[in-house]
Every structure is written in structure tokens, then in C-alpha cells.
Amino acid sequence: MSSANANTTSAEFDAIDIAPLYGADSPERQACDAAIMAAASDLGFMVITGLPGDTLSAERRADLLRLFALSEADKRRLYKRNFEPSNPNYYRGYFPVTPGLPTYKEGIDLGPDVAHGSGACVDGDPLGEATPLPDDAIWLQAASDYYCAMEVCGRAILTSLARSLGLDASLLLAAFEQPISTLRMIRYPPRTPESFGDLGAEAWIDSERHLIGKPHVDSGFITLLAQNGVAGLQAQTRAGDWLDVPPTEGQLAVNFGQLLERWTGGRIRATLHRIWGRGEERFSIPFFFEPSIAAVIRPLPLSGATPFEPFVYGDYLWEVTTKFPEQAGLEALRPPRGLPNADT
């Protein structure tokens, strides 16, 4: 079976050591800023290393992925309401494999309360609901530590981009004062012939490789992705070719989202990416670095940027997220809140 997908090429991604971002101004930090901006404005994708401590160690990752060893009954207690109507959680929680879709996966969406406790929840808003969590102290500690490390990394990268854009970093960071970033853990099981349903040729890259994650651009700001030793992630170049992103130990793949592209007037590029498989089980751990629910996103003072009407991030996020199978049919659950009076 074959498809009309664009050519696939292999490429070596030169990892950017971001350790200088965690320190004071220096020639090394300036060089790091320049490398990040070059990647963000060209491919819109990069690979980084140099995070503090053992954040990216195989042992820490194994502690996170032990979630998938839960029994089906224990997983069901964490299910989103779309998959278990007796559960109270709509936005956070577990989602099972759904056959017949271009994306074939199971996983869990974790909110800031996994790291910061119930004070990070927002009453009366499904985007701020509590995350259902397993009773596993080792996993909980690993998830909390990893979430905090990704928050720090996201802020460091955003601050670096601000410097390169000639902006006061506070203009960007102010939107992230009470962030609702999502830590997602994903398992892509081996795909069975029955799971393809009526997808046909569009589910295949070539005679050996099929899609387990359809081509898409992330909707938000910055995605920090840990892989787990199995190839499959690809990013698309401006020419339309697909570049393999090797799952190298000790590195994070980073891509930039549509909203960051829009916010920066196109200076930062959002990149189309996809996941392929050929019968191997695959795991990945993306962290979506996101603003607060109530953050007002307005044009930045960048020359030549296309203006847009300010909007509330939570309204944007709910509109986007309810288009995915995990939250399908929930649009009416959260009517748009609109801008604060001072912004109207």
C-alpha cells in the first residue's frame, strides 16, 4: 500500500545546549539565543539538551511511563468523561485507544495541580479542573518533578525568544503567571489491521510505515517532547520534505505552535509534524507550555506584524480542544468568557 505523502529524508539535528539560558548574560547565552531564534524562524523545530540535573534520564522517564502498567480498571477510574460517563472530569484525565482514527494512541492529560496542588485548579471552569491521579507515590513524585522542570525550561526558551525579538520578556511572561500547561503521556500501541477502519491509503507513508499520529501543527505556544528510543517523529521542511527526528537519549524535541507564530507576527514558525510506526510500541511525553486561562493575548509591538483583535486564551483553547476526539461534543460546556471589561 502506498500514499502520496511528500518525500522522507533523514537529517542530523544539531542539538542546542540550552544550559546557558539558566545563567546570567554571557557570550554563551547570546550564542544560544541566536541558535534558538534561527531554528524557530526557519524550520520551527529544534532539538535541545543541557537541562539541569537528571530531568531527561532514562530512569526518570521510566518512572513516568509506569502509568501504562496500570490495570484496565485503574485506568478507567482516570478516564475522561467522554469515555466513562460516571467520572466528573472532562478535560484532564485518561483517554483510551480509539480505532478508525488517523491517530492511534492512549494516554493521559495532566494539569498544573500534579505539581502545584489543588491551588492551581480553577473552580467553575473545565479547563481548570482537578486532574484524576493514580495512587502511586513514585509516579506522582516523578510527574511533579518533571512538570516543574518543563515549566522552567518553557520560560527559559520564551525569555530567550523575547531577547532575540527585542522585546521586554515581561510582555510575554505576564501571560504565563498562572499557567495551565499540559503534561501528556502517550502510548502508541502496535496498530492492528482492523484499527485502520476506512482510512485507506492516507493512513500509509509507504509500504512499511503507517501513521499513528496524523500530520498536524500544535495550536499553542511551545511543545517540549521527550521520546523513548523508538523512531517515528518527523517534522516538515518549507520545501515539504519530512525530516526524521531521531529519539536520541538526553534530548528534547521542541516545536513551536500556531498561536506563538501569530503572536510574533510570523517571526517564529509553527511546524507541521507527524508520527509513523511499523508495528513497534512507542511512547512519548509532550509538555505543552501554556498561559493562564484568563490571559489576554494581544499583538506584540513588532514592526510589520499583522494586527489581530485581543482574545482570552481560555476561550481560544476550549474552541480548539473540543475539536479533538477526547473532548468532542463538549463545546457548550464552556461558553466563551470574553475579554475583561477593561479590554472591551
Protein backbone atom coordinates (compact mmCIF):
# COMPACT_ATOMS: atom_id res chain seq x y z
CA MET A 1 0.00 0.00 0.00
CA SER A 2 1.33 3.49 -0.79
CA SER A 3 0.29 7.09 -0.50
CA ALA A 4 1.03 10.48 -1.98
CA ASN A 5 2.95 11.78 1.02
CA ALA A 6 5.92 14.08 0.39
CA ASN A 7 9.45 12.67 0.37
CA THR A 8 11.03 11.49 3.60
CA THR A 9 14.65 12.34 4.33
CA SER A 10 16.97 11.67 7.22
CA ALA A 11 18.77 14.57 8.85
CA GLU A 12 21.02 15.12 11.80
CA PHE A 13 19.63 17.72 14.15
CA ASP A 14 22.39 19.64 15.87
CA ALA A 15 21.28 19.75 19.50
CA ILE A 16 21.29 23.19 21.07
CA ASP A 17 22.75 23.15 24.57
CA ILE A 18 20.41 25.46 26.49
CA ALA A 19 22.36 25.34 29.77
CA PRO A 20 23.47 28.99 29.26
CA LEU A 21 19.80 30.09 29.37
CA TYR A 22 19.71 29.25 33.06
CA GLY A 23 22.52 31.69 33.84
CA ALA A 24 23.36 35.36 33.54
CA ASP A 25 24.12 37.22 30.34
CA SER A 26 27.25 35.89 28.65
CA PRO A 27 28.63 35.27 25.16
CA GLU A 28 27.48 31.66 25.52
CA ARG A 29 23.93 32.73 26.33
CA GLN A 30 23.89 35.17 23.41
CA ALA A 31 25.05 32.39 21.08
CA CYS A 32 22.34 30.12 22.48
CA ASP A 33 19.70 32.82 21.90
CA ALA A 34 20.84 33.17 18.30
CA ALA A 35 20.72 29.41 17.69
CA ILE A 36 17.22 29.12 19.16
CA MET A 37 15.91 32.03 17.12
CA ALA A 38 17.45 30.64 13.94
CA ALA A 39 15.71 27.31 14.48
CA ALA A 40 12.42 28.92 15.50
CA SER A 41 12.29 31.20 12.47
CA ASP A 42 13.45 28.65 9.89
CA LEU A 43 12.27 25.09 10.49
CA GLY A 44 10.22 25.97 13.57
CA PHE A 45 11.65 22.89 15.20
CA MET A 46 14.78 22.14 17.21
CA VAL A 47 16.43 19.61 19.49
CA ILE A 48 17.79 20.72 22.86
CA THR A 49 19.96 19.37 25.62
CA GLY A 50 21.52 20.83 28.75
CA LEU A 51 18.56 20.73 31.12
CA PRO A 52 19.59 20.74 34.80
CA GLY A 53 20.03 17.53 36.74
CA ASP A 54 18.69 14.18 35.55
CA THR A 55 15.45 15.53 34.10
CA LEU A 56 15.88 13.58 30.87
CA SER A 57 17.39 10.39 32.25
CA ALA A 58 16.02 7.02 31.20
CA GLU A 59 15.34 6.22 34.85
CA ARG A 60 13.18 9.30 35.39
CA ARG A 61 11.30 8.61 32.17
CA ALA A 62 10.67 5.02 33.22
CA ASP A 63 9.07 6.28 36.43
CA LEU A 64 6.68 8.38 34.34
CA LEU A 65 5.81 5.61 31.90
CA ARG A 66 4.93 3.13 34.65
CA LEU A 67 1.48 4.70 34.41
CA PHE A 68 0.78 2.47 31.44
CA ALA A 69 1.26 -0.65 33.58
CA LEU A 70 -1.95 0.18 35.49
CA SER A 71 -4.76 -2.33 35.23
CA GLU A 72 -7.64 -1.50 32.91
CA ALA A 73 -9.87 -0.96 35.95
CA ASP A 74 -7.41 1.55 37.45
CA LYS A 75 -7.09 3.35 34.11
CA ARG A 76 -10.86 3.56 33.80
CA ARG A 77 -11.04 5.43 37.11
CA LEU A 78 -8.88 8.10 35.44
CA TYR A 79 -10.87 8.23 32.17
CA LYS A 80 -12.23 11.46 30.83
CA ARG A 81 -15.98 11.72 31.00
CA ASN A 82 -16.36 11.17 27.25
CA PHE A 83 -15.07 7.63 27.84
CA GLU A 84 -16.55 6.97 31.30
CA PRO A 85 -19.79 8.95 31.88
CA SER A 86 -19.72 8.38 35.64
CA ASN A 87 -16.42 10.30 36.00
CA PRO A 88 -16.55 14.06 36.75
CA ASN A 89 -13.51 15.17 34.72
CA TYR A 90 -13.90 16.42 31.15
CA TYR A 91 -10.58 17.99 30.19
CA ARG A 92 -7.96 16.26 32.32
CA GLY A 93 -7.51 12.54 32.61
CA TYR A 94 -7.05 9.36 30.63
CA PHE A 95 -8.13 8.63 27.06
CA PRO A 96 -8.15 5.09 25.59
CA VAL A 97 -7.17 3.92 22.13
CA THR A 98 -9.87 4.69 19.55
CA PRO A 99 -9.78 2.53 16.39
CA GLY A 100 -10.62 4.02 12.99
CA LEU A 101 -8.82 7.34 13.55
CA PRO A 102 -5.63 8.57 11.84
CA THR A 103 -4.11 8.97 15.30
CA TYR A 104 -3.82 5.71 17.22
CA LYS A 105 -2.87 6.19 20.88
CA GLU A 106 -3.81 6.13 24.54
CA GLY A 107 -2.63 8.45 27.25
CA ILE A 108 -3.33 10.96 29.97
CA ASP A 109 -3.52 14.78 30.17
CA LEU A 110 -2.18 16.23 33.42
CA GLY A 111 -2.71 19.79 34.65
CA PRO A 112 -0.69 22.05 36.94
CA ASP A 113 -2.19 20.53 40.09
CA VAL A 114 0.01 17.45 39.55
CA ALA A 115 2.92 19.71 40.57
CA HIS A 116 1.33 22.59 42.48
CA GLY A 117 -1.63 21.04 44.26
CA SER A 118 -5.28 21.99 44.36
CA GLY A 119 -4.46 25.71 44.49
CA ALA A 120 -3.63 25.51 40.79
CA CYS A 121 -7.20 24.46 39.95
CA VAL A 122 -9.86 26.98 38.85
CA ASP A 123 -13.36 26.39 40.18
CA GLY A 124 -16.19 26.58 37.68
CA ASP A 125 -14.04 26.14 34.58
CA PRO A 126 -13.39 22.73 32.98
CA LEU A 127 -10.00 23.99 31.78
CA GLY A 128 -9.01 24.41 35.43
CA GLU A 129 -10.46 21.18 36.77
CA ALA A 130 -8.53 18.80 39.01
CA THR A 131 -6.56 16.01 37.38
CA PRO A 132 -7.57 12.46 38.35
CA LEU A 133 -4.39 10.77 39.55
CA PRO A 134 -3.32 7.19 40.26
CA ASP A 135 -2.38 6.05 43.74
CA ASP A 136 1.33 5.63 43.02
CA ALA A 137 3.76 7.70 45.08
CA ILE A 138 6.77 7.05 42.81
CA TRP A 139 4.83 8.09 39.72
CA LEU A 140 3.33 11.16 41.42
CA GLN A 141 6.75 12.43 42.51
CA ALA A 142 8.20 11.81 39.04
CA ALA A 143 5.30 13.61 37.36
CA SER A 144 5.54 16.59 39.72
CA ASP A 145 9.31 16.94 39.26
CA TYR A 146 9.10 16.60 35.51
CA TYR A 147 6.23 19.10 35.23
CA CYS A 148 8.20 21.71 37.21
CA ALA A 149 11.34 21.15 35.13
CA MET A 150 9.38 21.64 31.89
CA GLU A 151 7.81 24.85 33.21
CA VAL A 152 11.27 26.26 33.92
CA CYS A 153 12.50 25.15 30.50
CA GLY A 154 9.49 26.71 28.75
CA ARG A 155 10.04 30.03 30.49
CA ALA A 156 13.74 29.97 29.63
CA ILE A 157 13.03 29.42 25.94
CA LEU A 158 10.29 32.06 25.86
CA THR A 159 12.61 34.56 27.54
CA SER A 160 15.33 33.73 25.03
CA LEU A 161 12.92 34.37 22.14
CA ALA A 162 11.92 37.70 23.70
CA ARG A 163 15.55 38.81 23.77
CA SER A 164 16.00 37.86 20.12
CA LEU A 165 12.83 39.73 19.16
CA GLY A 166 13.99 42.83 21.01
CA LEU A 167 11.07 42.62 23.45
CA ASP A 168 10.86 43.03 27.19
CA ALA A 169 10.41 39.43 28.35
CA SER A 170 7.67 40.54 30.75
CA LEU A 171 5.40 41.24 27.76
CA LEU A 172 5.39 37.51 27.06
CA LEU A 173 5.83 36.07 30.53
CA ALA A 174 2.93 38.06 32.01
CA ALA A 175 0.52 35.71 30.20
CA PHE A 176 2.14 32.74 31.98
CA GLU A 177 1.76 33.86 35.60
CA GLN A 178 -0.84 31.16 36.40
CA PRO A 179 -0.26 28.75 33.54
CA ILE A 180 -2.38 25.72 32.75
CA SER A 181 0.30 23.82 30.86
CA THR A 182 -0.48 20.22 29.99
CA LEU A 183 1.84 17.29 30.58
CA ARG A 184 0.70 14.43 28.35
CA MET A 185 1.94 10.86 28.42
CA ILE A 186 1.23 8.82 25.30
CA ARG A 187 1.48 5.18 24.35
CA TYR A 188 1.17 4.25 20.69
CA PRO A 189 0.39 0.50 20.62
CA PRO A 190 1.20 -1.67 17.60
CA ARG A 191 -1.53 -0.94 15.06
CA THR A 192 -3.74 -3.85 14.02
CA PRO A 193 -5.25 -4.14 10.51
CA GLU A 194 -8.73 -3.69 11.99
CA SER A 195 -7.74 -0.39 13.62
CA PHE A 196 -7.45 1.36 10.26
CA GLY A 197 -11.18 1.12 9.59
CA ASP A 198 -11.97 3.02 6.41
CA LEU A 199 -8.85 5.18 6.42
CA GLY A 200 -7.38 3.69 3.26
CA ALA A 201 -4.17 4.87 1.61
CA GLU A 202 -3.99 8.17 3.51
CA ALA A 203 -3.00 6.20 6.62
CA TRP A 204 0.21 4.97 4.97
CA ILE A 205 3.52 6.68 4.27
CA ASP A 206 4.91 3.78 2.24
CA SER A 207 4.55 0.00 2.07
CA GLU A 208 6.12 -0.45 5.53
CA ARG A 209 5.24 2.63 7.56
CA HIS A 210 1.79 3.81 8.61
CA LEU A 211 0.63 6.88 10.51
CA ILE A 212 -0.02 6.62 14.22
CA GLY A 213 -0.10 10.42 14.61
CA LYS A 214 -1.55 12.36 11.70
CA PRO A 215 0.19 15.48 10.33
CA HIS A 216 -0.68 18.49 12.47
CA VAL A 217 0.54 21.81 13.80
CA ASP A 218 0.32 22.33 17.54
CA SER A 219 -2.22 25.02 18.35
CA GLY A 220 -0.44 26.75 21.22
CA PHE A 221 2.99 28.11 22.08
CA ILE A 222 5.90 25.74 22.82
CA THR A 223 5.89 21.93 22.92
CA LEU A 224 8.70 20.08 24.69
CA LEU A 225 8.75 16.43 23.67
CA ALA A 226 10.65 13.56 25.26
CA GLN A 227 10.90 10.45 23.10
CA ASN A 228 11.62 6.94 24.32
CA GLY A 229 14.04 5.28 21.95
CA VAL A 230 11.70 4.39 19.08
CA ALA A 231 11.87 6.42 15.86
CA GLY A 232 8.79 7.86 14.20
CA LEU A 233 8.67 11.61 14.79
CA GLN A 234 9.05 13.76 11.66
CA ALA A 235 9.00 17.50 11.02
CA GLN A 236 8.20 19.05 7.65
CA THR A 237 10.54 21.50 5.95
CA ARG A 238 9.45 24.56 4.00
CA ALA A 239 10.02 22.52 0.82
CA GLY A 240 7.54 19.90 2.01
CA ASP A 241 10.04 17.14 2.82
CA TRP A 242 9.72 15.15 6.05
CA LEU A 243 12.77 15.09 8.31
CA ASP A 244 13.26 12.27 10.80
CA VAL A 245 13.84 13.46 14.37
CA PRO A 246 15.99 10.76 16.00
CA PRO A 247 14.94 9.72 19.53
CA THR A 248 18.39 10.47 20.94
CA GLU A 249 18.81 9.89 24.66
CA GLY A 250 19.13 13.03 26.80
CA GLN A 251 17.46 15.36 24.28
CA LEU A 252 14.12 17.07 23.90
CA ALA A 253 12.45 17.81 20.58
CA VAL A 254 10.92 21.29 20.57
CA ASN A 255 8.34 22.67 18.19
CA PHE A 256 6.51 25.97 18.13
CA GLY A 257 2.75 26.36 17.83
CA GLN A 258 0.30 28.32 15.73
CA LEU A 259 -0.53 30.81 18.45
CA LEU A 260 3.11 31.70 19.04
CA GLU A 261 3.53 32.19 15.28
CA ARG A 262 0.54 34.52 15.24
CA TRP A 263 1.62 36.36 18.40
CA THR A 264 5.08 37.06 16.98
CA GLY A 265 3.81 38.22 13.60
CA GLY A 266 5.17 35.14 11.84
CA ARG A 267 8.74 35.63 13.02
CA ILE A 268 8.50 32.26 14.75
CA ARG A 269 7.25 29.40 12.62
CA ALA A 270 4.77 26.69 13.56
CA THR A 271 5.78 23.37 12.05
CA LEU A 272 3.74 20.51 10.65
CA HIS A 273 4.81 17.22 12.18
CA ARG A 274 3.62 13.61 12.28
CA ILE A 275 4.32 10.21 13.83
CA TRP A 276 4.77 6.98 11.89
CA GLY A 277 5.01 3.40 13.05
CA ARG A 278 5.72 -0.03 11.67
CA GLY A 279 4.47 -2.36 14.35
CA GLU A 280 6.55 -1.28 17.36
CA GLU A 281 5.14 0.02 20.62
CA ARG A 282 6.10 3.67 21.05
CA PHE A 283 5.95 6.10 23.98
CA SER A 284 6.30 9.88 24.06
CA ILE A 285 5.92 12.60 26.67
CA PRO A 286 4.97 16.04 25.32
CA PHE A 287 4.67 19.08 27.57
CA PHE A 288 2.52 21.90 26.18
CA PHE A 289 3.73 25.18 27.70
CA GLU A 290 0.59 27.30 28.02
CA PRO A 291 -0.56 30.63 29.51
CA SER A 292 -3.21 31.16 32.17
CA ILE A 293 -6.88 30.64 31.37
CA ALA A 294 -7.60 34.36 31.75
CA ALA A 295 -4.53 35.61 29.85
CA VAL A 296 -5.41 38.20 27.22
CA ILE A 297 -3.39 37.62 24.05
CA ARG A 298 -2.88 40.89 22.21
CA PRO A 299 -0.49 41.95 19.42
CA LEU A 300 3.11 42.44 20.42
CA PRO A 301 4.95 45.66 19.48
CA LEU A 302 6.70 44.16 16.46
CA SER A 303 7.07 46.15 13.26
CA GLY A 304 5.16 44.79 10.28
CA ALA A 305 3.21 42.23 12.30
CA THR A 306 -0.37 41.64 11.19
CA PRO A 307 -2.71 43.09 13.82
CA PHE A 308 -5.44 40.98 15.41
CA GLU A 309 -8.19 41.53 17.94
CA PRO A 310 -7.17 40.63 21.51
CA PHE A 311 -8.74 37.47 22.88
CA VAL A 312 -8.75 35.39 26.05
CA TYR A 313 -6.57 32.31 25.92
CA GLY A 314 -9.09 30.07 27.69
CA ASP A 315 -11.73 30.84 25.05
CA TYR A 316 -9.28 30.02 22.28
CA LEU A 317 -8.11 26.82 23.96
CA TRP A 318 -11.61 25.48 24.56
CA GLU A 319 -12.61 26.12 20.94
CA VAL A 320 -9.52 24.26 19.74
CA THR A 321 -9.56 21.39 22.20
CA THR A 322 -13.19 20.43 21.66
CA LYS A 323 -12.35 19.58 18.07
CA PHE A 324 -10.32 16.58 19.26
CA PRO A 325 -11.94 13.16 19.88
CA GLU A 326 -11.07 13.26 23.59
CA GLN A 327 -13.29 16.33 24.13
CA ALA A 328 -15.66 16.04 21.16
CA GLY A 329 -19.20 17.21 21.80
CA LEU A 330 -18.34 19.36 24.82
CA GLU A 331 -18.42 22.77 23.13
CA ALA A 332 -21.47 24.02 25.05
CA LEU A 333 -19.98 23.07 28.41
CA ARG A 334 -17.88 26.24 28.46
CA PRO A 335 -19.35 29.31 26.71
CA PRO A 336 -16.77 31.96 25.76
CA ARG A 337 -15.95 34.21 28.72
CA GLY A 338 -14.87 37.17 26.60
CA LEU A 339 -12.44 39.98 27.40
CA PRO A 340 -12.42 41.68 30.79
CA ASN A 341 -14.35 44.97 30.83
CA ALA A 342 -11.15 46.98 30.78
CA ASP A 343 -10.19 45.39 27.45
CA THR A 344 -13.51 45.76 25.64
